[in-house]
Amino acid sequence: MKTINIAIDGPSGAGKSSISRTVANELGFIHADTGAMYRAIGLYAIRHDCLEPEKLIEKLKNIRVELKFIGGVQRVLLCGEDVSDYIRSPEVSMAASAVSAVGEVRAHLLDLQKKIAAENNVIMDGRDIGAVILPHADLKIFLTASAEERASRRYLELREKPDCPPYEKILEDIVQRDYNDSHRAIAPLQKAEDAVLLDTSNMGFNEVVEHVTAMIREILD
């Protein structure tokens, strides 16, 4: 039986993961957050002082990243440790951007990503899903919003934490990550030619969920 693959790409802070997770739960699909995989490797690189590509490549054979779906909720395991609650900091976000530019890291995770898509009805989000990972996806969406709106959303998400950075710092990091992700030599952030562009700058969360869900239901009917 053919599986249904949905690719959702877009810049950091566009809401890809939360939208994808909510829609996947609504439709009974698996949500595969590829950004979480790179964040896990970024966390490993921070912990083991190997952010430099040469050092990281040497340690790749020791890095095991897994996605576990427990009660419909995705958990991220790094070498057997559940690191789901440790990979959302701005520091890990920047590290994820750095390690995702290393070709060997992308190859290390590619088999896992393709295996998930081959075995499940999946909504997979990331930076190059529609263009590289799932070029034959049944539906491709490029989800974006202005840098200012994405920074505001991230600030609201983090503001209750004692180490929450100021809005200006979050905006600066998002602009820098956009540049890094779109200018890297390997698998840069890009909109696939056949992807639907969805700018959510002036849309509420529920409105985006309903819009994406409706697009997917169209191809299921």
N, C-alpha and C. Protein backbone atom coordinates (compact mmCIF):
# COMPACT_ATOMS: atom_id res chain seq x y z
N MET A 1 0.85 -1.20 0.00
CA MET A 1 0.00 0.00 0.00
C MET A 1 0.88 1.25 0.00
N LYS A 2 0.58 2.20 -0.89
CA LYS A 2 1.38 3.40 -1.01
C LYS A 2 1.19 4.30 0.19
N THR A 3 2.29 4.81 0.70
CA THR A 3 2.21 5.77 1.80
C THR A 3 2.04 7.17 1.24
N ILE A 4 1.47 8.07 2.05
CA ILE A 4 1.29 9.47 1.68
C ILE A 4 2.38 10.28 2.36
N ASN A 5 3.15 11.03 1.57
CA ASN A 5 4.24 11.85 2.11
C ASN A 5 3.95 13.32 1.86
N ILE A 6 3.99 14.10 2.93
CA ILE A 6 3.80 15.55 2.86
C ILE A 6 5.10 16.21 3.29
N ALA A 7 5.62 17.13 2.47
CA ALA A 7 6.86 17.84 2.78
C ALA A 7 6.54 19.28 3.14
N ILE A 8 7.00 19.71 4.31
CA ILE A 8 6.81 21.11 4.73
C ILE A 8 8.18 21.71 5.04
N ASP A 9 8.56 22.69 4.24
CA ASP A 9 9.85 23.37 4.41
C ASP A 9 9.62 24.81 4.83
N GLY A 10 10.69 25.45 5.26
CA GLY A 10 10.60 26.86 5.61
C GLY A 10 11.71 27.25 6.57
N PRO A 11 11.85 28.55 6.81
CA PRO A 11 12.93 29.05 7.66
C PRO A 11 12.68 28.78 9.14
N SER A 12 13.71 29.02 9.93
CA SER A 12 13.63 28.83 11.38
C SER A 12 12.53 29.71 11.98
N GLY A 13 11.73 29.12 12.88
CA GLY A 13 10.72 29.88 13.58
C GLY A 13 9.44 30.11 12.81
N ALA A 14 9.28 29.45 11.66
CA ALA A 14 8.07 29.64 10.86
C ALA A 14 6.88 28.85 11.39
N GLY A 15 7.14 27.98 12.37
CA GLY A 15 6.06 27.18 12.95
C GLY A 15 5.88 25.84 12.29
N LYS A 16 6.87 25.42 11.52
CA LYS A 16 6.77 24.15 10.78
C LYS A 16 6.47 22.98 11.69
N SER A 17 7.22 22.85 12.78
CA SER A 17 7.08 21.68 13.65
C SER A 17 5.73 21.65 14.36
N SER A 18 5.33 22.78 14.94
CA SER A 18 4.06 22.79 15.68
C SER A 18 2.88 22.61 14.74
N ILE A 19 2.93 23.23 13.56
CA ILE A 19 1.86 23.05 12.56
C ILE A 19 1.84 21.61 12.08
N SER A 20 3.00 21.07 11.73
CA SER A 20 3.08 19.70 11.21
C SER A 20 2.59 18.70 12.24
N ARG A 21 3.00 18.89 13.48
CA ARG A 21 2.60 17.97 14.55
C ARG A 21 1.09 17.99 14.76
N THR A 22 0.51 19.18 14.78
CA THR A 22 -0.93 19.30 15.00
C THR A 22 -1.73 18.70 13.85
N VAL A 23 -1.31 18.99 12.63
CA VAL A 23 -2.01 18.44 11.46
C VAL A 23 -1.85 16.93 11.40
N ALA A 24 -0.65 16.43 11.70
CA ALA A 24 -0.41 14.98 11.69
C ALA A 24 -1.33 14.28 12.69
N ASN A 25 -1.47 14.85 13.88
CA ASN A 25 -2.37 14.26 14.88
C ASN A 25 -3.81 14.26 14.40
N GLU A 26 -4.20 15.34 13.73
CA GLU A 26 -5.56 15.45 13.21
C GLU A 26 -5.86 14.38 12.16
N LEU A 27 -4.86 14.08 11.33
CA LEU A 27 -5.06 13.16 10.21
C LEU A 27 -4.61 11.73 10.51
N GLY A 28 -3.99 11.51 11.66
CA GLY A 28 -3.49 10.18 11.99
C GLY A 28 -2.21 9.83 11.26
N PHE A 29 -1.42 10.85 10.89
CA PHE A 29 -0.13 10.67 10.23
C PHE A 29 0.98 10.69 11.29
N ILE A 30 2.16 10.23 10.89
CA ILE A 30 3.36 10.39 11.69
C ILE A 30 3.97 11.76 11.38
N HIS A 31 4.43 12.46 12.40
CA HIS A 31 5.15 13.72 12.19
C HIS A 31 6.64 13.45 12.37
N ALA A 32 7.42 13.79 11.36
CA ALA A 32 8.88 13.62 11.43
C ALA A 32 9.54 14.99 11.37
N ASP A 33 10.06 15.42 12.49
CA ASP A 33 10.71 16.73 12.63
C ASP A 33 12.21 16.55 12.37
N THR A 34 12.63 16.77 11.11
CA THR A 34 14.05 16.57 10.79
C THR A 34 14.93 17.60 11.48
N GLY A 35 14.36 18.79 11.73
CA GLY A 35 15.15 19.79 12.44
C GLY A 35 15.56 19.32 13.82
N ALA A 36 14.69 18.53 14.46
CA ALA A 36 15.02 17.98 15.78
C ALA A 36 16.22 17.04 15.70
N MET A 37 16.35 16.35 14.58
CA MET A 37 17.49 15.45 14.41
C MET A 37 18.79 16.25 14.37
N TYR A 38 18.78 17.36 13.61
CA TYR A 38 19.97 18.19 13.53
C TYR A 38 20.25 18.91 14.85
N ARG A 39 19.19 19.26 15.56
CA ARG A 39 19.37 19.86 16.88
C ARG A 39 20.04 18.87 17.83
N ALA A 40 19.66 17.59 17.72
CA ALA A 40 20.26 16.57 18.58
C ALA A 40 21.76 16.47 18.30
N ILE A 41 22.13 16.49 17.03
CA ILE A 41 23.56 16.43 16.70
C ILE A 41 24.25 17.72 17.12
N GLY A 42 23.55 18.86 16.99
CA GLY A 42 24.12 20.12 17.47
C GLY A 42 24.37 20.07 18.97
N LEU A 43 23.43 19.49 19.72
CA LEU A 43 23.60 19.33 21.17
C LEU A 43 24.81 18.46 21.47
N TYR A 44 24.94 17.37 20.72
CA TYR A 44 26.10 16.48 20.91
C TYR A 44 27.40 17.27 20.67
N ALA A 45 27.40 18.06 19.59
CA ALA A 45 28.62 18.82 19.25
C ALA A 45 28.97 19.82 20.35
N ILE A 46 27.97 20.46 20.95
CA ILE A 46 28.21 21.39 22.05
C ILE A 46 28.77 20.64 23.26
N ARG A 47 28.13 19.54 23.60
CA ARG A 47 28.54 18.78 24.77
C ARG A 47 29.94 18.21 24.63
N HIS A 48 30.34 17.85 23.40
CA HIS A 48 31.62 17.18 23.18
C HIS A 48 32.64 18.08 22.49
N ASP A 49 32.34 19.39 22.43
CA ASP A 49 33.28 20.36 21.88
C ASP A 49 33.77 19.95 20.50
N CYS A 50 32.82 19.65 19.60
CA CYS A 50 33.23 19.22 18.26
C CYS A 50 32.37 19.89 17.19
N LEU A 51 32.14 21.21 17.33
CA LEU A 51 31.37 21.94 16.33
C LEU A 51 32.15 22.11 15.03
N GLU A 52 33.49 22.06 15.10
CA GLU A 52 34.27 22.14 13.88
C GLU A 52 34.00 20.91 13.03
N PRO A 53 33.74 21.08 11.72
CA PRO A 53 33.37 19.94 10.87
C PRO A 53 34.30 18.74 10.97
N GLU A 54 35.62 19.01 11.00
CA GLU A 54 36.56 17.89 11.03
C GLU A 54 36.38 17.05 12.30
N LYS A 55 36.24 17.73 13.43
CA LYS A 55 36.06 17.01 14.70
C LYS A 55 34.73 16.26 14.72
N LEU A 56 33.69 16.91 14.21
CA LEU A 56 32.37 16.29 14.22
C LEU A 56 32.32 15.06 13.34
N ILE A 57 32.91 15.13 12.16
CA ILE A 57 32.91 14.00 11.23
C ILE A 57 33.57 12.78 11.87
N GLU A 58 34.63 13.04 12.62
CA GLU A 58 35.33 11.94 13.29
C GLU A 58 34.44 11.23 14.31
N LYS A 59 33.49 11.96 14.89
CA LYS A 59 32.66 11.39 15.95
C LYS A 59 31.31 10.88 15.46
N LEU A 60 30.99 11.08 14.18
CA LEU A 60 29.67 10.71 13.68
C LEU A 60 29.32 9.25 13.95
N LYS A 61 30.32 8.38 13.85
CA LYS A 61 30.05 6.95 14.05
C LYS A 61 29.56 6.66 15.46
N ASN A 62 29.80 7.59 16.38
CA ASN A 62 29.37 7.39 17.77
C ASN A 62 28.01 8.02 18.06
N ILE A 63 27.45 8.75 17.07
CA ILE A 63 26.22 9.50 17.30
C ILE A 63 25.02 8.72 16.76
N ARG A 64 24.11 8.38 17.64
CA ARG A 64 22.90 7.67 17.24
C ARG A 64 21.68 8.54 17.57
N VAL A 65 20.97 8.94 16.53
CA VAL A 65 19.76 9.75 16.70
C VAL A 65 18.56 8.90 16.33
N GLU A 66 17.53 8.93 17.19
CA GLU A 66 16.32 8.17 16.93
C GLU A 66 15.11 9.04 17.20
N LEU A 67 14.04 8.79 16.44
CA LEU A 67 12.75 9.39 16.72
C LEU A 67 11.84 8.30 17.24
N LYS A 68 11.29 8.51 18.42
CA LYS A 68 10.35 7.57 19.00
C LYS A 68 8.98 8.25 19.07
N PHE A 69 7.95 7.54 18.65
CA PHE A 69 6.60 8.09 18.68
C PHE A 69 5.84 7.40 19.81
N ILE A 70 5.68 8.11 20.91
CA ILE A 70 5.07 7.55 22.12
C ILE A 70 3.73 8.23 22.34
N GLY A 71 2.65 7.47 22.20
CA GLY A 71 1.31 8.05 22.34
C GLY A 71 1.05 9.15 21.35
N GLY A 72 1.63 9.01 20.14
CA GLY A 72 1.46 10.02 19.10
C GLY A 72 2.36 11.23 19.26
N VAL A 73 3.21 11.23 20.29
CA VAL A 73 4.11 12.36 20.54
C VAL A 73 5.53 11.96 20.16
N GLN A 74 6.18 12.81 19.38
CA GLN A 74 7.54 12.52 18.97
C GLN A 74 8.53 12.86 20.09
N ARG A 75 9.41 11.92 20.38
CA ARG A 75 10.50 12.15 21.32
C ARG A 75 11.81 11.91 20.57
N VAL A 76 12.81 12.69 20.90
CA VAL A 76 14.10 12.63 20.22
C VAL A 76 15.12 12.02 21.15
N LEU A 77 15.75 10.95 20.70
CA LEU A 77 16.75 10.26 21.51
C LEU A 77 18.13 10.46 20.90
N LEU A 78 19.07 10.80 21.74
CA LEU A 78 20.46 10.98 21.34
C LEU A 78 21.29 9.96 22.11
N CYS A 79 21.80 8.99 21.38
CA CYS A 79 22.58 7.91 22.01
C CYS A 79 21.80 7.30 23.18
N GLY A 80 20.51 7.12 22.99
CA GLY A 80 19.66 6.49 23.98
C GLY A 80 19.05 7.43 25.00
N GLU A 81 19.51 8.69 25.06
CA GLU A 81 18.98 9.66 26.02
C GLU A 81 17.88 10.50 25.38
N ASP A 82 16.77 10.64 26.06
CA ASP A 82 15.70 11.50 25.58
C ASP A 82 16.11 12.96 25.79
N VAL A 83 16.40 13.64 24.68
CA VAL A 83 16.88 15.03 24.76
C VAL A 83 15.84 16.02 24.25
N SER A 84 14.60 15.57 24.15
CA SER A 84 13.54 16.41 23.58
C SER A 84 13.43 17.77 24.27
N ASP A 85 13.70 17.80 25.58
CA ASP A 85 13.54 19.04 26.34
C ASP A 85 14.81 19.89 26.37
N TYR A 86 15.87 19.42 25.70
CA TYR A 86 17.16 20.14 25.76
C TYR A 86 17.56 20.75 24.43
N ILE A 87 16.77 20.53 23.38
CA ILE A 87 17.24 20.89 22.04
C ILE A 87 16.57 22.14 21.47
N ARG A 88 15.84 22.89 22.30
CA ARG A 88 15.10 24.05 21.79
C ARG A 88 15.72 25.39 22.18
N SER A 89 16.90 25.39 22.78
CA SER A 89 17.53 26.64 23.18
C SER A 89 18.12 27.35 21.97
N PRO A 90 18.28 28.68 22.03
CA PRO A 90 18.92 29.41 20.92
C PRO A 90 20.32 28.89 20.62
N GLU A 91 21.07 28.49 21.64
CA GLU A 91 22.42 27.97 21.43
C GLU A 91 22.39 26.69 20.59
N VAL A 92 21.49 25.79 20.92
CA VAL A 92 21.38 24.54 20.16
C VAL A 92 20.85 24.83 18.76
N SER A 93 19.96 25.81 18.63
CA SER A 93 19.43 26.18 17.32
C SER A 93 20.54 26.62 16.38
N MET A 94 21.46 27.46 16.87
CA MET A 94 22.58 27.91 16.04
C MET A 94 23.53 26.75 15.74
N ALA A 95 23.72 25.87 16.71
CA ALA A 95 24.58 24.71 16.48
C ALA A 95 23.98 23.79 15.42
N ALA A 96 22.65 23.65 15.44
CA ALA A 96 21.97 22.82 14.45
C ALA A 96 22.18 23.38 13.05
N SER A 97 22.12 24.71 12.92
CA SER A 97 22.36 25.33 11.63
C SER A 97 23.77 25.04 11.13
N ALA A 98 24.74 25.06 12.04
CA ALA A 98 26.13 24.81 11.67
C ALA A 98 26.34 23.35 11.25
N VAL A 99 25.84 22.41 12.03
CA VAL A 99 26.10 21.00 11.71
C VAL A 99 25.32 20.54 10.49
N SER A 100 24.17 21.19 10.21
CA SER A 100 23.38 20.77 9.05
C SER A 100 24.04 21.16 7.73
N ALA A 101 25.06 22.02 7.80
CA ALA A 101 25.80 22.39 6.60
C ALA A 101 26.90 21.39 6.25
N VAL A 102 27.09 20.39 7.11
CA VAL A 102 28.14 19.38 6.90
C VAL A 102 27.54 18.20 6.15
N GLY A 103 28.05 17.93 4.95
CA GLY A 103 27.49 16.89 4.11
C GLY A 103 27.45 15.53 4.77
N GLU A 104 28.47 15.21 5.53
CA GLU A 104 28.52 13.91 6.18
C GLU A 104 27.42 13.76 7.23
N VAL A 105 27.05 14.86 7.88
CA VAL A 105 25.96 14.83 8.86
C VAL A 105 24.65 14.54 8.15
N ARG A 106 24.41 15.22 7.03
CA ARG A 106 23.18 15.01 6.28
C ARG A 106 23.07 13.56 5.80
N ALA A 107 24.18 13.02 5.32
CA ALA A 107 24.18 11.63 4.88
C ALA A 107 23.92 10.68 6.04
N HIS A 108 24.42 11.03 7.20
CA HIS A 108 24.25 10.21 8.41
C HIS A 108 22.77 10.07 8.77
N LEU A 109 21.99 11.11 8.52
CA LEU A 109 20.57 11.12 8.90
C LEU A 109 19.63 10.75 7.75
N LEU A 110 20.13 10.75 6.52
CA LEU A 110 19.26 10.57 5.36
C LEU A 110 18.52 9.23 5.38
N ASP A 111 19.22 8.16 5.70
CA ASP A 111 18.58 6.84 5.69
C ASP A 111 17.42 6.78 6.67
N LEU A 112 17.59 7.35 7.85
CA LEU A 112 16.53 7.36 8.85
C LEU A 112 15.32 8.12 8.33
N GLN A 113 15.55 9.28 7.71
CA GLN A 113 14.46 10.10 7.21
C GLN A 113 13.69 9.38 6.10
N LYS A 114 14.40 8.77 5.18
CA LYS A 114 13.75 8.08 4.07
C LYS A 114 13.01 6.82 4.55
N LYS A 115 13.56 6.16 5.56
CA LYS A 115 12.91 4.96 6.11
C LYS A 115 11.57 5.32 6.74
N ILE A 116 11.53 6.42 7.49
CA ILE A 116 10.29 6.86 8.12
C ILE A 116 9.24 7.15 7.05
N ALA A 117 9.65 7.82 5.97
CA ALA A 117 8.72 8.18 4.91
C ALA A 117 8.22 6.96 4.13
N ALA A 118 9.08 5.97 3.96
CA ALA A 118 8.71 4.78 3.20
C ALA A 118 7.72 3.90 3.95
N GLU A 119 7.76 3.96 5.28
CA GLU A 119 6.97 3.04 6.09
C GLU A 119 5.71 3.65 6.69
N ASN A 120 5.53 4.98 6.54
CA ASN A 120 4.42 5.65 7.22
C ASN A 120 3.79 6.73 6.34
N ASN A 121 2.50 7.01 6.58
CA ASN A 121 1.92 8.26 6.11
C ASN A 121 2.55 9.34 6.98
N VAL A 122 3.29 10.25 6.37
CA VAL A 122 4.13 11.13 7.17
C VAL A 122 4.03 12.58 6.72
N ILE A 123 4.08 13.49 7.68
CA ILE A 123 4.32 14.90 7.42
C ILE A 123 5.72 15.17 7.93
N MET A 124 6.63 15.47 7.02
CA MET A 124 8.04 15.68 7.37
C MET A 124 8.39 17.13 7.14
N ASP A 125 8.96 17.78 8.15
CA ASP A 125 9.32 19.18 7.99
C ASP A 125 10.81 19.40 8.16
N GLY A 126 11.29 20.44 7.50
CA GLY A 126 12.72 20.75 7.56
C GLY A 126 13.07 21.91 6.66
N ARG A 127 14.25 21.85 6.05
CA ARG A 127 14.73 22.93 5.18
C ARG A 127 14.73 22.53 3.70
N ASP A 128 14.96 21.25 3.43
CA ASP A 128 15.10 20.81 2.04
C ASP A 128 14.33 19.51 1.78
N ILE A 129 13.21 19.34 2.48
CA ILE A 129 12.47 18.09 2.36
C ILE A 129 11.91 17.93 0.94
N GLY A 130 11.21 18.95 0.46
CA GLY A 130 10.60 18.85 -0.86
C GLY A 130 11.59 18.81 -1.99
N ALA A 131 12.74 19.46 -1.83
CA ALA A 131 13.73 19.52 -2.91
C ALA A 131 14.70 18.35 -2.90
N VAL A 132 15.00 17.82 -1.71
CA VAL A 132 16.06 16.81 -1.61
C VAL A 132 15.59 15.50 -0.98
N ILE A 133 15.00 15.56 0.20
CA ILE A 133 14.69 14.34 0.95
C ILE A 133 13.50 13.59 0.34
N LEU A 134 12.41 14.33 0.05
CA LEU A 134 11.20 13.70 -0.52
C LEU A 134 10.81 14.44 -1.81
N PRO A 135 11.63 14.32 -2.85
CA PRO A 135 11.34 15.06 -4.09
C PRO A 135 10.04 14.63 -4.76
N HIS A 136 9.54 13.44 -4.42
CA HIS A 136 8.30 12.96 -5.02
C HIS A 136 7.14 12.99 -4.02
N ALA A 137 7.21 13.86 -3.04
CA ALA A 137 6.14 13.98 -2.04
C ALA A 137 4.81 14.29 -2.71
N ASP A 138 3.73 13.82 -2.11
CA ASP A 138 2.40 14.03 -2.67
C ASP A 138 1.98 15.50 -2.59
N LEU A 139 2.50 16.21 -1.60
CA LEU A 139 2.22 17.64 -1.45
C LEU A 139 3.44 18.30 -0.81
N LYS A 140 3.83 19.46 -1.36
CA LYS A 140 4.95 20.21 -0.81
C LYS A 140 4.46 21.61 -0.43
N ILE A 141 4.79 22.03 0.77
CA ILE A 141 4.40 23.35 1.27
C ILE A 141 5.64 24.07 1.76
N PHE A 142 5.80 25.33 1.36
CA PHE A 142 6.87 26.17 1.90
C PHE A 142 6.23 27.17 2.84
N LEU A 143 6.43 26.95 4.13
CA LEU A 143 5.79 27.72 5.19
C LEU A 143 6.74 28.82 5.66
N THR A 144 6.31 30.06 5.61
CA THR A 144 7.21 31.14 6.00
C THR A 144 6.44 32.24 6.73
N ALA A 145 7.19 33.20 7.24
CA ALA A 145 6.64 34.41 7.88
C ALA A 145 7.79 35.40 7.95
N SER A 146 7.49 36.66 8.18
CA SER A 146 8.55 37.66 8.28
C SER A 146 9.47 37.34 9.46
N ALA A 147 10.71 37.80 9.38
CA ALA A 147 11.67 37.56 10.46
C ALA A 147 11.16 38.16 11.77
N GLU A 148 10.54 39.33 11.69
CA GLU A 148 10.03 39.99 12.90
C GLU A 148 8.92 39.18 13.55
N GLU A 149 8.02 38.65 12.72
CA GLU A 149 6.93 37.84 13.26
C GLU A 149 7.45 36.55 13.87
N ARG A 150 8.43 35.94 13.23
CA ARG A 150 9.00 34.69 13.77
C ARG A 150 9.73 34.95 15.08
N ALA A 151 10.42 36.08 15.16
CA ALA A 151 11.12 36.43 16.41
C ALA A 151 10.11 36.68 17.53
N SER A 152 9.01 37.34 17.21
CA SER A 152 7.97 37.60 18.21
C SER A 152 7.37 36.31 18.73
N ARG A 153 7.10 35.37 17.83
CA ARG A 153 6.55 34.07 18.24
C ARG A 153 7.53 33.32 19.14
N ARG A 154 8.80 33.34 18.76
CA ARG A 154 9.81 32.63 19.56
C ARG A 154 9.95 33.26 20.94
N TYR A 155 9.91 34.60 20.99
CA TYR A 155 10.01 35.29 22.28
C TYR A 155 8.84 34.91 23.19
N LEU A 156 7.65 34.87 22.65
CA LEU A 156 6.47 34.50 23.44
C LEU A 156 6.58 33.06 23.94
N GLU A 157 7.21 32.21 23.14
CA GLU A 157 7.40 30.81 23.52
C GLU A 157 8.39 30.67 24.67
N LEU A 158 9.42 31.54 24.68
CA LEU A 158 10.53 31.39 25.63
C LEU A 158 10.45 32.33 26.83
N ARG A 159 9.54 33.29 26.82
CA ARG A 159 9.62 34.39 27.79
C ARG A 159 9.44 33.95 29.24
N GLU A 160 8.80 32.81 29.48
CA GLU A 160 8.60 32.36 30.86
C GLU A 160 9.85 31.68 31.42
N LYS A 161 10.82 31.40 30.57
CA LYS A 161 12.04 30.74 31.02
C LYS A 161 13.02 31.77 31.58
N PRO A 162 13.74 31.43 32.64
CA PRO A 162 14.64 32.40 33.28
C PRO A 162 15.77 32.87 32.38
N ASP A 163 16.16 32.05 31.41
CA ASP A 163 17.28 32.42 30.54
C ASP A 163 16.80 32.93 29.18
N CYS A 164 15.55 33.38 29.11
CA CYS A 164 15.00 33.87 27.84
C CYS A 164 15.78 35.10 27.36
N PRO A 165 16.32 35.07 26.15
CA PRO A 165 17.04 36.24 25.64
C PRO A 165 16.06 37.34 25.25
N PRO A 166 16.51 38.57 25.13
CA PRO A 166 15.62 39.66 24.70
C PRO A 166 15.18 39.47 23.25
N TYR A 167 14.06 40.10 22.92
CA TYR A 167 13.51 39.98 21.57
C TYR A 167 14.56 40.34 20.52
N GLU A 168 15.31 41.40 20.76
CA GLU A 168 16.28 41.87 19.77
C GLU A 168 17.33 40.80 19.47
N LYS A 169 17.74 40.06 20.49
CA LYS A 169 18.72 38.99 20.30
C LYS A 169 18.11 37.83 19.51
N ILE A 170 16.86 37.51 19.80
CA ILE A 170 16.18 36.43 19.08
C ILE A 170 16.06 36.80 17.60
N LEU A 171 15.68 38.06 17.33
CA LEU A 171 15.57 38.52 15.94
C LEU A 171 16.92 38.45 15.23
N GLU A 172 17.95 38.90 15.92
CA GLU A 172 19.30 38.85 15.34
C GLU A 172 19.70 37.42 14.99
N ASP A 173 19.41 36.48 15.89
CA ASP A 173 19.75 35.07 15.65
C ASP A 173 18.96 34.50 14.47
N ILE A 174 17.70 34.87 14.36
CA ILE A 174 16.87 34.36 13.26
C ILE A 174 17.36 34.89 11.92
N VAL A 175 17.69 36.17 11.86
CA VAL A 175 18.21 36.75 10.62
C VAL A 175 19.52 36.07 10.24
N GLN A 176 20.40 35.84 11.23
CA GLN A 176 21.67 35.17 10.96
C GLN A 176 21.45 33.74 10.50
N ARG A 177 20.52 33.04 11.14
CA ARG A 177 20.27 31.66 10.74
C ARG A 177 19.66 31.59 9.35
N ASP A 178 18.77 32.51 9.02
CA ASP A 178 18.22 32.56 7.66
C ASP A 178 19.34 32.68 6.64
N TYR A 179 20.29 33.57 6.94
CA TYR A 179 21.42 33.75 6.01
C TYR A 179 22.24 32.48 5.90
N ASN A 180 22.57 31.90 7.06
CA ASN A 180 23.38 30.68 7.06
C ASN A 180 22.69 29.55 6.30
N ASP A 181 21.40 29.36 6.57
CA ASP A 181 20.67 28.24 5.97
C ASP A 181 20.50 28.41 4.47
N SER A 182 20.32 29.64 4.00
CA SER A 182 20.07 29.86 2.58
C SER A 182 21.35 29.99 1.76
N HIS A 183 22.49 30.18 2.42
CA HIS A 183 23.74 30.37 1.69
C HIS A 183 24.72 29.19 1.82
N ARG A 184 24.33 28.16 2.58
CA ARG A 184 25.26 27.05 2.71
C ARG A 184 25.37 26.31 1.39
N ALA A 185 26.53 25.69 1.16
CA ALA A 185 26.79 25.03 -0.12
C ALA A 185 25.99 23.75 -0.28
N ILE A 186 25.73 23.05 0.83
CA ILE A 186 25.07 21.74 0.77
C ILE A 186 23.61 21.88 1.22
N ALA A 187 22.68 21.48 0.34
CA ALA A 187 21.25 21.46 0.64
C ALA A 187 20.79 22.75 1.33
N PRO A 188 20.93 23.90 0.67
CA PRO A 188 20.48 25.15 1.30
C PRO A 188 18.97 25.21 1.43
N LEU A 189 18.50 26.06 2.34
CA LEU A 189 17.07 26.31 2.48
C LEU A 189 16.55 26.83 1.15
N GLN A 190 15.53 26.15 0.61
CA GLN A 190 14.98 26.59 -0.66
C GLN A 190 13.54 26.10 -0.82
N LYS A 191 12.79 26.81 -1.62
CA LYS A 191 11.43 26.40 -1.95
C LYS A 191 11.50 25.52 -3.19
N ALA A 192 10.98 24.31 -3.12
CA ALA A 192 10.91 23.45 -4.28
C ALA A 192 10.02 24.12 -5.33
N GLU A 193 10.33 23.91 -6.60
CA GLU A 193 9.60 24.58 -7.67
C GLU A 193 8.11 24.27 -7.62
N ASP A 194 7.76 23.06 -7.20
CA ASP A 194 6.34 22.66 -7.18
C ASP A 194 5.71 22.77 -5.80
N ALA A 195 6.34 23.53 -4.89
CA ALA A 195 5.79 23.70 -3.55
C ALA A 195 4.80 24.86 -3.51
N VAL A 196 3.81 24.75 -2.64
CA VAL A 196 2.85 25.83 -2.39
C VAL A 196 3.43 26.78 -1.36
N LEU A 197 3.52 28.06 -1.68
CA LEU A 197 4.04 29.06 -0.74
C LEU A 197 2.93 29.51 0.19
N LEU A 198 3.18 29.42 1.49
CA LEU A 198 2.18 29.82 2.49
C LEU A 198 2.84 30.77 3.48
N ASP A 199 2.55 32.06 3.35
CA ASP A 199 3.08 33.09 4.25
C ASP A 199 2.09 33.25 5.40
N THR A 200 2.54 32.96 6.61
CA THR A 200 1.65 32.97 7.78
C THR A 200 1.81 34.21 8.66
N SER A 201 2.48 35.24 8.13
CA SER A 201 2.76 36.44 8.94
C SER A 201 1.50 37.01 9.57
N ASN A 202 0.39 36.96 8.84
CA ASN A 202 -0.86 37.55 9.33
C ASN A 202 -1.93 36.50 9.59
N MET A 203 -1.50 35.29 9.89
CA MET A 203 -2.44 34.20 10.15
C MET A 203 -2.26 33.68 11.56
N GLY A 204 -3.35 33.32 12.20
CA GLY A 204 -3.27 32.70 13.52
C GLY A 204 -2.95 31.22 13.39
N PHE A 205 -2.53 30.62 14.49
CA PHE A 205 -2.11 29.21 14.48
C PHE A 205 -3.23 28.31 13.96
N ASN A 206 -4.42 28.44 14.51
CA ASN A 206 -5.53 27.57 14.10
C ASN A 206 -5.89 27.76 12.64
N GLU A 207 -5.77 28.99 12.16
CA GLU A 207 -6.06 29.27 10.76
C GLU A 207 -5.08 28.54 9.84
N VAL A 208 -3.80 28.54 10.23
CA VAL A 208 -2.79 27.83 9.43
C VAL A 208 -3.05 26.33 9.45
N VAL A 209 -3.36 25.79 10.63
CA VAL A 209 -3.66 24.36 10.75
C VAL A 209 -4.82 23.97 9.84
N GLU A 210 -5.87 24.76 9.87
CA GLU A 210 -7.04 24.46 9.04
C GLU A 210 -6.70 24.52 7.55
N HIS A 211 -5.88 25.50 7.17
CA HIS A 211 -5.50 25.67 5.77
C HIS A 211 -4.67 24.49 5.29
N VAL A 212 -3.66 24.09 6.07
CA VAL A 212 -2.79 22.98 5.69
C VAL A 212 -3.58 21.67 5.68
N THR A 213 -4.42 21.47 6.69
CA THR A 213 -5.24 20.26 6.75
C THR A 213 -6.14 20.14 5.52
N ALA A 214 -6.74 21.25 5.12
CA ALA A 214 -7.62 21.25 3.95
C ALA A 214 -6.85 20.88 2.68
N MET A 215 -5.62 21.39 2.53
CA MET A 215 -4.81 21.06 1.35
C MET A 215 -4.50 19.57 1.30
N ILE A 216 -4.22 18.99 2.46
CA ILE A 216 -3.89 17.57 2.50
C ILE A 216 -5.14 16.73 2.23
N ARG A 217 -6.26 17.13 2.79
CA ARG A 217 -7.50 16.37 2.58
C ARG A 217 -7.88 16.34 1.09
N GLU A 218 -7.53 17.39 0.37
CA GLU A 218 -7.83 17.45 -1.07
C GLU A 218 -7.14 16.32 -1.83
N ILE A 219 -5.89 16.01 -1.43
CA ILE A 219 -5.18 14.95 -2.16
C ILE A 219 -5.56 13.57 -1.64
N LEU A 220 -6.22 13.51 -0.49
CA LEU A 220 -6.66 12.22 0.06
C LEU A 220 -8.01 11.80 -0.52
N ASP A 221 -8.81 12.77 -0.96
CA ASP A 221 -10.15 12.48 -1.47
C ASP A 221 -10.10 11.82 -2.86
